[in-house]
C-alpha cells in the first residue's frame, strides 16, 4: 500500500493533537501546574496542530515547513528538560514552588511528561522530513 500525503498529514495531526490534549489534561484534569520548560514545550506544540489542520483542509504542504523548526526546537527543549529531570541537575523555583525537575506523572512508571513531549516532537519531525523529501 502506497502512503499518500494525507496519511502523513493525519499522523502528524493525530500526534500533535494527542500531545496538545494531553498537556491540557495534565493541567485541567489532574491539576498539575506546568513548570517553565513545560510552557515552552506547549508554546512549540500548539501551533503545530493548527498547521497540520490547515494543511489537511487545504490539501497543501506549502505551510508545513515551519513545523520542522517548531519540532526541532521542541526536541531540544524537551531533551534538556528530560535530562535535568532525570539527573536533578538544577532545582530552580520557576512557578510558585514548581521546579523543572519535579516528576508529577509517569506513564508505565517509565516516561515522564517531558519524555512524552520528546516522543511527540520526534514523530512530528520525522513526518515532516518524510513529507518534504517525498512531496517537495
N, C-alpha and C. Protein backbone atom coordinates (compact mmCIF):
# COMPACT_ATOMS: atom_id res chain seq x y z
N UNK A 1 0.83 -1.17 0.00
CA UNK A 1 0.00 0.00 0.00
C UNK A 1 0.88 1.25 0.00
N UNK A 2 0.61 2.13 -0.90
CA UNK A 2 1.38 3.35 -1.02
C UNK A 2 0.73 4.43 -0.17
N UNK A 3 1.54 5.04 0.70
CA UNK A 3 1.02 6.10 1.55
C UNK A 3 0.92 7.39 0.77
N UNK A 4 -0.20 8.07 0.94
CA UNK A 4 -0.41 9.36 0.29
C UNK A 4 -0.07 10.45 1.28
N UNK A 5 0.06 11.66 0.77
CA UNK A 5 0.42 12.79 1.62
C UNK A 5 -0.58 12.99 2.76
N UNK A 6 -1.85 12.73 2.50
CA UNK A 6 -2.87 12.91 3.53
C UNK A 6 -2.61 11.99 4.73
N UNK A 7 -2.06 10.80 4.47
CA UNK A 7 -1.76 9.88 5.57
C UNK A 7 -0.68 10.46 6.48
N UNK A 8 0.36 11.03 5.88
CA UNK A 8 1.42 11.64 6.67
C UNK A 8 0.88 12.83 7.47
N UNK A 9 0.07 13.65 6.82
CA UNK A 9 -0.51 14.80 7.50
C UNK A 9 -1.41 14.37 8.66
N UNK A 10 -2.17 13.30 8.45
CA UNK A 10 -3.05 12.80 9.52
C UNK A 10 -2.24 12.26 10.70
N UNK A 11 -1.15 11.58 10.42
CA UNK A 11 -0.29 11.09 11.52
C UNK A 11 0.26 12.26 12.31
N UNK A 12 0.71 13.30 11.61
CA UNK A 12 1.20 14.50 12.29
C UNK A 12 0.11 15.18 13.10
N UNK A 13 -1.09 15.27 12.52
CA UNK A 13 -2.21 15.90 13.22
C UNK A 13 -2.59 15.09 14.46
N UNK A 14 -2.68 13.80 14.33
CA UNK A 14 -3.05 12.95 15.47
C UNK A 14 -2.01 13.07 16.58
N UNK A 15 -0.74 13.03 16.21
CA UNK A 15 0.34 13.13 17.20
C UNK A 15 0.28 14.47 17.93
N UNK A 16 0.18 15.55 17.17
CA UNK A 16 0.17 16.88 17.81
C UNK A 16 -1.12 17.10 18.62
N UNK A 17 -2.23 16.55 18.16
CA UNK A 17 -3.49 16.69 18.90
C UNK A 17 -3.44 15.93 20.21
N UNK A 18 -2.91 14.73 20.19
CA UNK A 18 -2.77 13.95 21.42
C UNK A 18 -1.87 14.68 22.41
N UNK A 19 -0.77 15.25 21.92
CA UNK A 19 0.14 15.99 22.79
C UNK A 19 -0.54 17.24 23.36
N UNK A 20 -1.29 17.93 22.53
CA UNK A 20 -1.99 19.14 22.98
C UNK A 20 -3.06 18.81 24.01
N UNK A 21 -3.90 17.83 23.70
CA UNK A 21 -4.96 17.43 24.63
C UNK A 21 -4.35 16.86 25.91
N UNK A 22 -3.28 16.10 25.77
CA UNK A 22 -2.60 15.54 26.94
C UNK A 22 -2.09 16.63 27.87
N UNK A 23 -1.48 17.66 27.31
CA UNK A 23 -0.96 18.74 28.15
C UNK A 23 -2.10 19.49 28.85
N UNK A 24 -3.20 19.66 28.15
CA UNK A 24 -4.36 20.31 28.77
C UNK A 24 -4.98 19.43 29.86
N UNK A 25 -4.96 18.12 29.63
CA UNK A 25 -5.48 17.20 30.65
C UNK A 25 -4.62 17.24 31.91
N UNK A 26 -3.29 17.29 31.71
CA UNK A 26 -2.41 17.37 32.89
C UNK A 26 -2.71 18.62 33.71
N UNK A 27 -3.02 19.73 33.02
CA UNK A 27 -3.30 20.99 33.73
C UNK A 27 -4.70 21.00 34.34
N UNK A 28 -5.70 20.71 33.52
CA UNK A 28 -7.08 20.89 33.98
C UNK A 28 -7.69 19.62 34.57
N UNK A 29 -7.28 18.46 34.10
CA UNK A 29 -7.82 17.21 34.61
C UNK A 29 -7.11 16.72 35.85
N UNK A 30 -5.80 16.87 35.87
CA UNK A 30 -5.01 16.39 37.00
C UNK A 30 -4.53 17.52 37.90
N UNK A 31 -4.83 18.75 37.52
CA UNK A 31 -4.45 19.94 38.30
C UNK A 31 -2.95 20.06 38.52
N UNK A 32 -2.16 19.67 37.54
CA UNK A 32 -0.71 19.82 37.61
C UNK A 32 -0.33 21.19 37.05
N UNK A 33 0.48 21.91 37.78
CA UNK A 33 0.91 23.22 37.32
C UNK A 33 2.18 23.04 36.48
N UNK A 34 2.16 23.53 35.22
CA UNK A 34 3.33 23.35 34.36
C UNK A 34 4.52 24.19 34.82
N UNK A 35 5.70 23.64 34.72
CA UNK A 35 6.91 24.40 35.01
C UNK A 35 7.24 25.27 33.79
N UNK A 36 8.29 26.05 33.89
CA UNK A 36 8.66 26.96 32.81
C UNK A 36 8.99 26.22 31.52
N UNK A 37 9.74 25.14 31.60
CA UNK A 37 10.09 24.38 30.40
C UNK A 37 8.87 23.71 29.78
N UNK A 38 7.91 23.30 30.60
CA UNK A 38 6.67 22.73 30.07
C UNK A 38 5.91 23.78 29.26
N UNK A 39 5.93 25.01 29.74
CA UNK A 39 5.28 26.09 28.99
C UNK A 39 5.93 26.27 27.63
N UNK A 40 7.24 26.25 27.58
CA UNK A 40 7.94 26.39 26.29
C UNK A 40 7.56 25.27 25.33
N UNK A 41 7.46 24.05 25.86
CA UNK A 41 7.09 22.92 25.01
C UNK A 41 5.66 23.08 24.49
N UNK A 42 4.77 23.58 25.32
CA UNK A 42 3.40 23.83 24.87
C UNK A 42 3.36 24.90 23.79
N UNK A 43 4.12 25.96 23.99
CA UNK A 43 4.17 27.06 23.02
C UNK A 43 4.63 26.55 21.66
N UNK A 44 5.52 25.57 21.67
CA UNK A 44 6.02 25.00 20.41
C UNK A 44 5.05 23.97 19.82
N UNK A 45 4.29 23.26 20.65
CA UNK A 45 3.42 22.18 20.15
C UNK A 45 2.08 22.70 19.62
N UNK A 46 1.45 23.62 20.29
CA UNK A 46 0.09 24.03 19.93
C UNK A 46 -0.03 24.54 18.49
N UNK A 47 0.90 25.37 18.00
CA UNK A 47 0.77 25.82 16.60
C UNK A 47 0.92 24.70 15.58
N UNK A 48 1.64 23.65 15.93
CA UNK A 48 1.83 22.53 15.01
C UNK A 48 0.48 21.89 14.67
N UNK A 49 -0.38 21.76 15.67
CA UNK A 49 -1.71 21.20 15.44
C UNK A 49 -2.49 22.05 14.45
N UNK A 50 -2.43 23.35 14.62
CA UNK A 50 -3.14 24.26 13.71
C UNK A 50 -2.57 24.18 12.30
N UNK A 51 -1.26 24.09 12.19
CA UNK A 51 -0.62 24.00 10.86
C UNK A 51 -1.04 22.71 10.15
N UNK A 52 -1.06 21.60 10.88
CA UNK A 52 -1.50 20.34 10.26
C UNK A 52 -2.97 20.40 9.85
N UNK A 53 -3.81 21.00 10.68
CA UNK A 53 -5.23 21.16 10.32
C UNK A 53 -5.36 21.98 9.04
N UNK A 54 -4.64 23.07 8.95
CA UNK A 54 -4.66 23.93 7.76
C UNK A 54 -4.20 23.14 6.54
N UNK A 55 -3.11 22.39 6.69
CA UNK A 55 -2.56 21.62 5.57
C UNK A 55 -3.54 20.56 5.08
N UNK A 56 -4.23 19.92 5.99
CA UNK A 56 -5.21 18.90 5.61
C UNK A 56 -6.41 19.56 4.94
N UNK A 57 -6.91 20.64 5.52
CA UNK A 57 -8.10 21.31 4.99
C UNK A 57 -7.85 21.82 3.56
N UNK A 58 -6.68 22.43 3.35
CA UNK A 58 -6.38 22.98 2.03
C UNK A 58 -5.59 22.02 1.14
N UNK A 59 -5.35 20.81 1.64
CA UNK A 59 -4.62 19.78 0.91
C UNK A 59 -3.32 20.35 0.32
N UNK A 60 -2.56 20.97 1.20
CA UNK A 60 -1.34 21.65 0.77
C UNK A 60 -0.24 21.45 1.79
N UNK A 61 0.99 21.32 1.31
CA UNK A 61 2.13 21.23 2.22
C UNK A 61 2.95 22.52 2.20
N UNK A 62 2.43 23.56 1.59
CA UNK A 62 3.16 24.82 1.50
C UNK A 62 3.50 25.41 2.86
N UNK A 63 2.63 25.21 3.82
CA UNK A 63 2.82 25.82 5.14
C UNK A 63 3.50 24.87 6.13
N UNK A 64 3.82 23.67 5.73
CA UNK A 64 4.32 22.64 6.65
C UNK A 64 5.76 22.89 7.13
N UNK A 65 6.54 23.64 6.40
CA UNK A 65 7.96 23.81 6.74
C UNK A 65 8.21 24.44 8.12
N UNK A 66 7.40 25.38 8.59
CA UNK A 66 7.65 25.90 9.94
C UNK A 66 7.56 24.84 11.03
N UNK A 67 6.84 23.76 10.78
CA UNK A 67 6.74 22.72 11.80
C UNK A 67 8.07 22.00 12.00
N UNK A 68 8.94 22.07 11.01
CA UNK A 68 10.28 21.49 11.18
C UNK A 68 11.04 22.29 12.24
N UNK A 69 10.98 23.60 12.14
CA UNK A 69 11.64 24.44 13.14
C UNK A 69 11.00 24.25 14.52
N UNK A 70 9.67 24.28 14.57
CA UNK A 70 8.98 24.12 15.85
C UNK A 70 9.28 22.78 16.51
N UNK A 71 9.26 21.71 15.72
CA UNK A 71 9.51 20.38 16.30
C UNK A 71 10.98 20.21 16.69
N UNK A 72 11.90 20.80 15.92
CA UNK A 72 13.32 20.72 16.27
C UNK A 72 13.58 21.46 17.58
N UNK A 73 13.03 22.66 17.71
CA UNK A 73 13.17 23.39 18.97
C UNK A 73 12.51 22.62 20.11
N UNK A 74 11.37 22.00 19.83
CA UNK A 74 10.69 21.18 20.84
C UNK A 74 11.54 20.00 21.29
N UNK A 75 12.24 19.39 20.35
CA UNK A 75 13.13 18.27 20.69
C UNK A 75 14.26 18.76 21.60
N UNK A 76 14.79 19.93 21.29
CA UNK A 76 15.88 20.48 22.10
C UNK A 76 15.39 20.79 23.52
N UNK A 77 14.27 21.47 23.63
CA UNK A 77 13.74 21.85 24.95
C UNK A 77 13.34 20.61 25.75
N UNK A 78 12.63 19.68 25.12
CA UNK A 78 12.18 18.51 25.87
C UNK A 78 13.33 17.57 26.21
N UNK A 79 14.35 17.52 25.37
CA UNK A 79 15.55 16.73 25.70
C UNK A 79 16.26 17.32 26.91
N UNK A 80 16.44 18.63 26.87
CA UNK A 80 17.07 19.32 28.01
C UNK A 80 16.25 19.10 29.27
N UNK A 81 14.94 19.25 29.16
CA UNK A 81 14.05 19.06 30.31
C UNK A 81 14.14 17.63 30.84
N UNK A 82 14.17 16.66 29.94
CA UNK A 82 14.28 15.26 30.35
C UNK A 82 15.59 14.99 31.07
N UNK A 83 16.67 15.59 30.58
CA UNK A 83 17.99 15.37 31.19
C UNK A 83 18.04 15.98 32.59
N UNK A 84 17.61 17.24 32.72
CA UNK A 84 17.70 17.85 34.05
C UNK A 84 16.73 17.21 35.03
N UNK A 85 15.63 16.68 34.51
CA UNK A 85 14.68 15.98 35.38
C UNK A 85 15.25 14.64 35.83
N UNK A 86 15.87 13.95 34.92
CA UNK A 86 16.43 12.62 35.22
C UNK A 86 17.59 12.70 36.21
N UNK A 87 18.45 13.69 36.00
CA UNK A 87 19.66 13.77 36.82
C UNK A 87 19.59 14.86 37.88
N UNK A 88 18.42 15.50 38.01
CA UNK A 88 18.19 16.53 39.03
C UNK A 88 19.33 17.55 39.03
N UNK A 89 19.67 18.05 37.85
CA UNK A 89 20.81 18.94 37.67
C UNK A 89 20.54 20.31 38.29
N UNK A 90 19.37 20.88 38.03
CA UNK A 90 19.04 22.17 38.62
C UNK A 90 17.76 22.02 39.42
N UNK A 91 17.57 22.90 40.34
CA UNK A 91 16.36 22.85 41.15
C UNK A 91 15.88 24.29 41.38
N UNK A 92 15.61 24.97 40.29
CA UNK A 92 15.22 26.37 40.35
C UNK A 92 13.70 26.47 40.46
N UNK A 93 13.24 27.26 41.41
CA UNK A 93 11.81 27.51 41.58
C UNK A 93 11.36 28.45 40.47
N UNK A 94 10.56 27.93 39.53
CA UNK A 94 10.18 28.75 38.38
C UNK A 94 8.74 29.22 38.44
N UNK A 95 7.88 28.52 39.13
CA UNK A 95 6.45 28.84 39.06
C UNK A 95 5.78 28.61 40.41
N UNK A 96 6.12 29.41 41.39
CA UNK A 96 5.45 29.28 42.68
C UNK A 96 5.61 27.91 43.32
N UNK A 97 6.81 27.43 43.41
CA UNK A 97 7.07 26.14 44.02
C UNK A 97 7.21 25.00 43.03
N UNK A 98 6.98 25.26 41.76
CA UNK A 98 7.11 24.23 40.73
C UNK A 98 8.51 24.32 40.13
N UNK A 99 9.24 23.24 40.17
CA UNK A 99 10.56 23.21 39.56
C UNK A 99 10.53 22.33 38.32
N UNK A 100 11.49 22.54 37.46
CA UNK A 100 11.56 21.75 36.23
C UNK A 100 12.02 20.32 36.48
N UNK A 101 12.49 20.03 37.69
CA UNK A 101 12.92 18.67 37.99
C UNK A 101 11.84 17.86 38.69
N UNK A 102 10.70 18.48 39.01
CA UNK A 102 9.58 17.74 39.60
C UNK A 102 9.10 16.65 38.64
N UNK A 103 8.83 15.49 39.17
CA UNK A 103 8.22 14.42 38.39
C UNK A 103 6.83 14.19 38.97
N UNK A 104 5.83 14.75 38.28
CA UNK A 104 4.46 14.67 38.76
C UNK A 104 3.68 13.51 38.16
N UNK A 105 4.20 12.94 37.08
CA UNK A 105 3.46 11.90 36.37
C UNK A 105 4.46 11.00 35.65
N UNK A 106 4.19 9.70 35.70
CA UNK A 106 4.97 8.73 34.94
C UNK A 106 4.03 7.77 34.23
N UNK A 107 4.19 7.63 32.94
CA UNK A 107 3.41 6.68 32.17
C UNK A 107 4.14 5.35 32.20
N UNK A 108 3.45 4.30 32.57
CA UNK A 108 4.04 2.95 32.71
C UNK A 108 5.23 2.96 33.67
N UNK A 109 5.21 3.87 34.62
CA UNK A 109 6.29 4.02 35.61
C UNK A 109 7.65 4.22 34.93
N UNK A 110 7.63 4.84 33.74
CA UNK A 110 8.85 5.00 32.96
C UNK A 110 8.97 6.38 32.32
N UNK A 111 7.93 6.80 31.59
CA UNK A 111 8.00 8.03 30.81
C UNK A 111 7.39 9.20 31.57
N UNK A 112 8.18 10.27 31.70
CA UNK A 112 7.66 11.48 32.34
C UNK A 112 7.07 12.40 31.28
N UNK A 113 6.49 13.50 31.70
CA UNK A 113 5.84 14.43 30.76
C UNK A 113 6.82 14.95 29.71
N UNK A 114 8.04 15.38 30.08
CA UNK A 114 8.96 15.83 29.03
C UNK A 114 9.38 14.69 28.08
N UNK A 115 9.43 13.45 28.58
CA UNK A 115 9.73 12.32 27.70
C UNK A 115 8.63 12.13 26.66
N UNK A 116 7.38 12.29 27.10
CA UNK A 116 6.25 12.16 26.18
C UNK A 116 6.29 13.27 25.12
N UNK A 117 6.63 14.48 25.55
CA UNK A 117 6.76 15.59 24.60
C UNK A 117 7.88 15.32 23.61
N UNK A 118 8.99 14.79 24.09
CA UNK A 118 10.13 14.45 23.22
C UNK A 118 9.71 13.44 22.15
N UNK A 119 8.96 12.44 22.54
CA UNK A 119 8.48 11.43 21.58
C UNK A 119 7.57 12.08 20.54
N UNK A 120 6.66 12.93 20.99
CA UNK A 120 5.73 13.59 20.06
C UNK A 120 6.48 14.49 19.08
N UNK A 121 7.40 15.31 19.59
CA UNK A 121 8.17 16.20 18.71
C UNK A 121 9.01 15.40 17.71
N UNK A 122 9.56 14.29 18.14
CA UNK A 122 10.38 13.45 17.25
C UNK A 122 9.52 12.84 16.13
N UNK A 123 8.36 12.32 16.48
CA UNK A 123 7.45 11.77 15.47
C UNK A 123 7.08 12.85 14.46
N UNK A 124 6.76 14.03 14.95
CA UNK A 124 6.37 15.13 14.06
C UNK A 124 7.52 15.54 13.15
N UNK A 125 8.73 15.60 13.68
CA UNK A 125 9.88 15.95 12.84
C UNK A 125 10.10 14.90 11.76
N UNK A 126 10.02 13.63 12.11
CA UNK A 126 10.19 12.56 11.12
C UNK A 126 9.12 12.65 10.04
N UNK A 127 7.88 12.86 10.45
CA UNK A 127 6.77 13.00 9.49
C UNK A 127 7.04 14.17 8.54
N UNK A 128 7.47 15.29 9.09
CA UNK A 128 7.76 16.46 8.26
C UNK A 128 8.88 16.21 7.27
N UNK A 129 9.92 15.56 7.72
CA UNK A 129 11.05 15.24 6.81
C UNK A 129 10.57 14.32 5.70
N UNK A 130 9.78 13.33 6.04
CA UNK A 130 9.24 12.42 5.03
C UNK A 130 8.36 13.15 4.02
N UNK A 131 7.52 14.05 4.50
CA UNK A 131 6.65 14.82 3.61
C UNK A 131 7.48 15.65 2.64
N UNK A 132 8.45 16.36 3.18
CA UNK A 132 9.24 17.26 2.33
C UNK A 132 10.10 16.47 1.34
N UNK A 133 10.70 15.37 1.78
CA UNK A 133 11.52 14.56 0.87
C UNK A 133 10.68 13.92 -0.23
N UNK A 134 9.50 13.48 0.14
CA UNK A 134 8.68 12.71 -0.79
C UNK A 134 7.83 13.59 -1.71
N UNK A 135 7.40 14.76 -1.23
CA UNK A 135 6.42 15.52 -1.99
C UNK A 135 6.86 16.92 -2.40
N UNK A 136 8.08 17.33 -2.06
CA UNK A 136 8.53 18.67 -2.48
C UNK A 136 9.43 18.59 -3.69
